[in-house]
Amino acid sequence: MKADLRRILSETACLDVPIETLSDSDDLYAAGLSSLGSVRVMMAIEEEFDIEIPGELITPDFFRSIDSLVNTIGQVRAGEVGGAEATTRPCADKP
């Protein structure tokens, strides 16, 4: 999952530094993540992992680091937040 997130970040986040220079716990905002970049990253994560991130989780802490992204995605997949209906996209089987 971390490799997928690193790819997503490198393709969508427009960071000021190469993703390869960041550790999993480095602050993505300090690396140049903007609010627009956060939206792009969130949309790419939802598409890549076929999940819908509940609104209450869309906070600066969610985007803080690769580790925080992994933790939140895991919670959503496990149904620990937002209810079971929020863990997968509605009509995910349709193009």
N, C-alpha and C. Protein backbone atom coordinates (compact mmCIF):
# COMPACT_ATOMS: atom_id res chain seq x y z
N MET A 1 0.82 -1.19 0.00
CA MET A 1 0.00 0.00 0.00
C MET A 1 0.87 1.26 0.00
N LYS A 2 1.97 1.24 0.75
CA LYS A 2 2.82 2.43 0.81
C LYS A 2 3.43 2.75 -0.54
N ALA A 3 3.77 1.74 -1.31
CA ALA A 3 4.31 1.99 -2.66
C ALA A 3 3.25 2.65 -3.53
N ASP A 4 2.00 2.19 -3.42
CA ASP A 4 0.90 2.81 -4.17
C ASP A 4 0.70 4.27 -3.74
N LEU A 5 0.77 4.51 -2.44
CA LEU A 5 0.60 5.88 -1.95
C LEU A 5 1.74 6.78 -2.41
N ARG A 6 2.94 6.26 -2.42
CA ARG A 6 4.08 7.05 -2.91
C ARG A 6 3.89 7.41 -4.39
N ARG A 7 3.39 6.46 -5.18
CA ARG A 7 3.13 6.73 -6.59
C ARG A 7 2.05 7.80 -6.73
N ILE A 8 0.97 7.65 -5.96
CA ILE A 8 -0.12 8.63 -6.00
C ILE A 8 0.40 10.02 -5.63
N LEU A 9 1.18 10.09 -4.56
CA LEU A 9 1.72 11.38 -4.13
C LEU A 9 2.62 11.99 -5.20
N SER A 10 3.45 11.16 -5.81
CA SER A 10 4.36 11.71 -6.83
C SER A 10 3.61 12.18 -8.07
N GLU A 11 2.47 11.55 -8.37
CA GLU A 11 1.69 11.91 -9.56
C GLU A 11 0.71 13.05 -9.33
N THR A 12 0.26 13.24 -8.08
CA THR A 12 -0.85 14.18 -7.86
C THR A 12 -0.58 15.30 -6.87
N ALA A 13 0.37 15.14 -5.97
CA ALA A 13 0.51 16.08 -4.86
C ALA A 13 1.30 17.33 -5.18
N CYS A 14 2.13 17.30 -6.24
CA CYS A 14 2.97 18.45 -6.60
C CYS A 14 3.82 18.91 -5.42
N LEU A 15 4.51 17.97 -4.79
CA LEU A 15 5.36 18.29 -3.65
C LEU A 15 6.60 19.06 -4.10
N ASP A 16 7.20 19.77 -3.15
CA ASP A 16 8.41 20.54 -3.43
C ASP A 16 9.67 19.68 -3.47
N VAL A 17 9.57 18.45 -2.98
CA VAL A 17 10.72 17.54 -2.93
C VAL A 17 10.34 16.22 -3.57
N PRO A 18 11.30 15.47 -4.07
CA PRO A 18 10.99 14.16 -4.63
C PRO A 18 10.45 13.22 -3.54
N ILE A 19 9.45 12.46 -3.87
CA ILE A 19 8.83 11.56 -2.89
C ILE A 19 9.84 10.57 -2.33
N GLU A 20 10.85 10.22 -3.12
CA GLU A 20 11.87 9.26 -2.68
C GLU A 20 12.69 9.78 -1.51
N THR A 21 12.70 11.09 -1.31
CA THR A 21 13.50 11.66 -0.21
C THR A 21 12.74 11.68 1.11
N LEU A 22 11.46 11.33 1.09
CA LEU A 22 10.63 11.38 2.29
C LEU A 22 10.51 10.03 2.96
N SER A 23 10.56 10.03 4.28
CA SER A 23 10.27 8.80 5.03
C SER A 23 8.76 8.69 5.18
N ASP A 24 8.30 7.55 5.64
CA ASP A 24 6.86 7.34 5.80
C ASP A 24 6.25 8.25 6.85
N SER A 25 7.07 8.77 7.76
CA SER A 25 6.54 9.63 8.82
C SER A 25 6.80 11.11 8.59
N ASP A 26 7.46 11.47 7.49
CA ASP A 26 7.73 12.88 7.21
C ASP A 26 6.44 13.65 6.96
N ASP A 27 6.45 14.91 7.37
CA ASP A 27 5.29 15.79 7.23
C ASP A 27 5.12 16.19 5.76
N LEU A 28 4.00 15.78 5.18
CA LEU A 28 3.74 16.09 3.77
C LEU A 28 3.49 17.57 3.54
N TYR A 29 2.95 18.26 4.55
CA TYR A 29 2.74 19.70 4.41
C TYR A 29 4.08 20.43 4.35
N ALA A 30 5.02 20.00 5.17
CA ALA A 30 6.36 20.60 5.14
C ALA A 30 7.05 20.32 3.80
N ALA A 31 6.63 19.22 3.15
CA ALA A 31 7.20 18.86 1.85
C ALA A 31 6.50 19.59 0.70
N GLY A 32 5.50 20.43 1.03
CA GLY A 32 4.86 21.25 0.01
C GLY A 32 3.44 20.87 -0.35
N LEU A 33 2.82 19.94 0.37
CA LEU A 33 1.44 19.57 0.06
C LEU A 33 0.52 20.77 0.30
N SER A 34 -0.28 21.11 -0.70
CA SER A 34 -1.23 22.22 -0.60
C SER A 34 -2.64 21.68 -0.43
N SER A 35 -3.59 22.58 -0.21
CA SER A 35 -4.98 22.14 -0.08
C SER A 35 -5.47 21.53 -1.39
N LEU A 36 -5.10 22.11 -2.52
CA LEU A 36 -5.48 21.53 -3.81
C LEU A 36 -4.82 20.17 -4.00
N GLY A 37 -3.57 20.06 -3.62
CA GLY A 37 -2.88 18.77 -3.69
C GLY A 37 -3.56 17.73 -2.83
N SER A 38 -4.05 18.14 -1.66
CA SER A 38 -4.75 17.22 -0.76
C SER A 38 -6.01 16.66 -1.43
N VAL A 39 -6.73 17.52 -2.12
CA VAL A 39 -7.94 17.08 -2.83
C VAL A 39 -7.58 16.08 -3.92
N ARG A 40 -6.54 16.39 -4.69
CA ARG A 40 -6.10 15.47 -5.74
C ARG A 40 -5.69 14.12 -5.16
N VAL A 41 -4.94 14.16 -4.07
CA VAL A 41 -4.48 12.93 -3.41
C VAL A 41 -5.68 12.12 -2.92
N MET A 42 -6.64 12.78 -2.28
CA MET A 42 -7.82 12.08 -1.77
C MET A 42 -8.59 11.40 -2.89
N MET A 43 -8.79 12.11 -3.99
CA MET A 43 -9.53 11.53 -5.11
C MET A 43 -8.79 10.33 -5.69
N ALA A 44 -7.49 10.44 -5.80
CA ALA A 44 -6.69 9.33 -6.33
C ALA A 44 -6.71 8.13 -5.39
N ILE A 45 -6.67 8.39 -4.09
CA ILE A 45 -6.74 7.31 -3.09
C ILE A 45 -8.08 6.59 -3.19
N GLU A 46 -9.16 7.36 -3.27
CA GLU A 46 -10.48 6.74 -3.37
C GLU A 46 -10.58 5.87 -4.62
N GLU A 47 -10.03 6.34 -5.72
CA GLU A 47 -10.05 5.58 -6.96
C GLU A 47 -9.17 4.33 -6.87
N GLU A 48 -7.95 4.51 -6.39
CA GLU A 48 -6.98 3.41 -6.33
C GLU A 48 -7.44 2.28 -5.41
N PHE A 49 -7.98 2.64 -4.24
CA PHE A 49 -8.33 1.65 -3.23
C PHE A 49 -9.82 1.34 -3.20
N ASP A 50 -10.59 1.93 -4.12
CA ASP A 50 -12.02 1.68 -4.24
C ASP A 50 -12.74 1.89 -2.91
N ILE A 51 -12.47 3.02 -2.30
CA ILE A 51 -13.10 3.39 -1.03
C ILE A 51 -13.67 4.79 -1.15
N GLU A 52 -14.50 5.14 -0.19
CA GLU A 52 -14.98 6.51 -0.07
C GLU A 52 -14.59 6.98 1.32
N ILE A 53 -13.82 8.03 1.38
CA ILE A 53 -13.35 8.53 2.66
C ILE A 53 -14.43 9.42 3.26
N PRO A 54 -14.94 9.05 4.45
CA PRO A 54 -15.99 9.85 5.07
C PRO A 54 -15.51 11.28 5.35
N GLY A 55 -16.41 12.22 5.22
CA GLY A 55 -16.08 13.63 5.40
C GLY A 55 -15.41 13.95 6.72
N GLU A 56 -15.81 13.25 7.78
CA GLU A 56 -15.24 13.55 9.09
C GLU A 56 -13.75 13.20 9.17
N LEU A 57 -13.27 12.40 8.23
CA LEU A 57 -11.85 12.04 8.23
C LEU A 57 -10.99 12.95 7.36
N ILE A 58 -11.63 13.80 6.59
CA ILE A 58 -10.88 14.67 5.68
C ILE A 58 -10.42 15.89 6.48
N THR A 59 -9.33 15.68 7.18
CA THR A 59 -8.72 16.71 8.03
C THR A 59 -7.24 16.80 7.70
N PRO A 60 -6.58 17.84 8.16
CA PRO A 60 -5.12 17.91 7.94
C PRO A 60 -4.37 16.70 8.49
N ASP A 61 -4.85 16.12 9.58
CA ASP A 61 -4.17 14.95 10.14
C ASP A 61 -4.18 13.76 9.19
N PHE A 62 -5.23 13.61 8.40
CA PHE A 62 -5.30 12.51 7.43
C PHE A 62 -4.15 12.59 6.45
N PHE A 63 -3.83 13.78 6.01
CA PHE A 63 -2.81 13.99 4.99
C PHE A 63 -1.42 14.26 5.57
N ARG A 64 -1.25 14.15 6.86
CA ARG A 64 0.00 14.53 7.54
C ARG A 64 1.22 13.78 7.03
N SER A 65 1.08 12.47 6.80
CA SER A 65 2.24 11.65 6.39
C SER A 65 1.73 10.42 5.66
N ILE A 66 2.66 9.70 5.08
CA ILE A 66 2.29 8.43 4.44
C ILE A 66 1.73 7.48 5.49
N ASP A 67 2.34 7.45 6.67
CA ASP A 67 1.84 6.60 7.75
C ASP A 67 0.40 6.95 8.12
N SER A 68 0.07 8.23 8.20
CA SER A 68 -1.30 8.62 8.56
C SER A 68 -2.29 8.24 7.46
N LEU A 69 -1.86 8.32 6.20
CA LEU A 69 -2.72 7.88 5.10
C LEU A 69 -3.00 6.39 5.21
N VAL A 70 -1.96 5.61 5.46
CA VAL A 70 -2.11 4.15 5.60
C VAL A 70 -3.06 3.81 6.74
N ASN A 71 -2.88 4.47 7.89
CA ASN A 71 -3.73 4.19 9.05
C ASN A 71 -5.20 4.50 8.76
N THR A 72 -5.46 5.63 8.14
CA THR A 72 -6.84 6.01 7.86
C THR A 72 -7.47 5.11 6.81
N ILE A 73 -6.74 4.78 5.77
CA ILE A 73 -7.26 3.87 4.75
C ILE A 73 -7.59 2.52 5.39
N GLY A 74 -6.74 2.05 6.27
CA GLY A 74 -7.00 0.80 6.98
C GLY A 74 -8.26 0.86 7.81
N GLN A 75 -8.49 1.98 8.49
CA GLN A 75 -9.70 2.15 9.29
C GLN A 75 -10.94 2.14 8.41
N VAL A 76 -10.87 2.82 7.28
CA VAL A 76 -12.02 2.86 6.37
C VAL A 76 -12.31 1.46 5.83
N ARG A 77 -11.27 0.77 5.40
CA ARG A 77 -11.46 -0.59 4.87
C ARG A 77 -12.03 -1.53 5.91
N ALA A 78 -11.64 -1.36 7.17
CA ALA A 78 -12.11 -2.23 8.24
C ALA A 78 -13.49 -1.83 8.74
N GLY A 79 -14.02 -0.72 8.24
CA GLY A 79 -15.34 -0.27 8.67
C GLY A 79 -15.33 0.34 10.05
N GLU A 80 -14.16 0.78 10.52
CA GLU A 80 -14.04 1.34 11.86
C GLU A 80 -14.53 2.78 11.95
N VAL A 81 -14.75 3.41 10.80
CA VAL A 81 -15.24 4.79 10.76
C VAL A 81 -16.26 4.92 9.65
N GLY A 82 -17.20 5.81 9.84
CA GLY A 82 -18.13 6.14 8.78
C GLY A 82 -19.19 5.09 8.48
N GLY A 83 -19.21 4.01 9.21
CA GLY A 83 -20.20 2.96 8.96
C GLY A 83 -19.81 2.07 7.80
N ALA A 84 -20.37 0.92 7.74
CA ALA A 84 -20.02 -0.07 6.72
C ALA A 84 -20.29 0.44 5.32
N GLU A 85 -21.34 1.23 5.16
CA GLU A 85 -21.67 1.71 3.83
C GLU A 85 -20.63 2.67 3.28
N ALA A 86 -19.79 3.22 4.13
CA ALA A 86 -18.77 4.16 3.67
C ALA A 86 -17.46 3.47 3.31
N THR A 87 -17.36 2.16 3.50
CA THR A 87 -16.09 1.49 3.28
C THR A 87 -15.82 1.24 1.81
N THR A 88 -16.86 1.11 1.01
CA THR A 88 -16.64 0.92 -0.42
C THR A 88 -17.51 1.91 -1.17
N ARG A 89 -17.15 2.14 -2.39
CA ARG A 89 -17.92 3.08 -3.20
C ARG A 89 -19.24 2.46 -3.62
N PRO A 90 -20.30 3.25 -3.60
CA PRO A 90 -21.56 2.74 -4.12
C PRO A 90 -21.42 2.49 -5.62
N CYS A 91 -22.01 1.43 -6.10
CA CYS A 91 -21.96 1.08 -7.53
C CYS A 91 -20.53 0.91 -8.03
N ALA A 92 -19.66 0.39 -7.19
CA ALA A 92 -18.25 0.24 -7.56
C ALA A 92 -18.07 -0.69 -8.75
N ASP A 93 -19.05 -1.55 -9.00
CA ASP A 93 -18.93 -2.49 -10.11
C ASP A 93 -19.30 -1.86 -11.45
N LYS A 94 -19.78 -0.62 -11.44
CA LYS A 94 -20.15 0.05 -12.69
C LYS A 94 -19.03 0.97 -13.14
N PRO A 95 -18.84 1.08 -14.45
CA PRO A 95 -17.77 1.97 -14.96
C PRO A 95 -18.04 3.42 -14.71
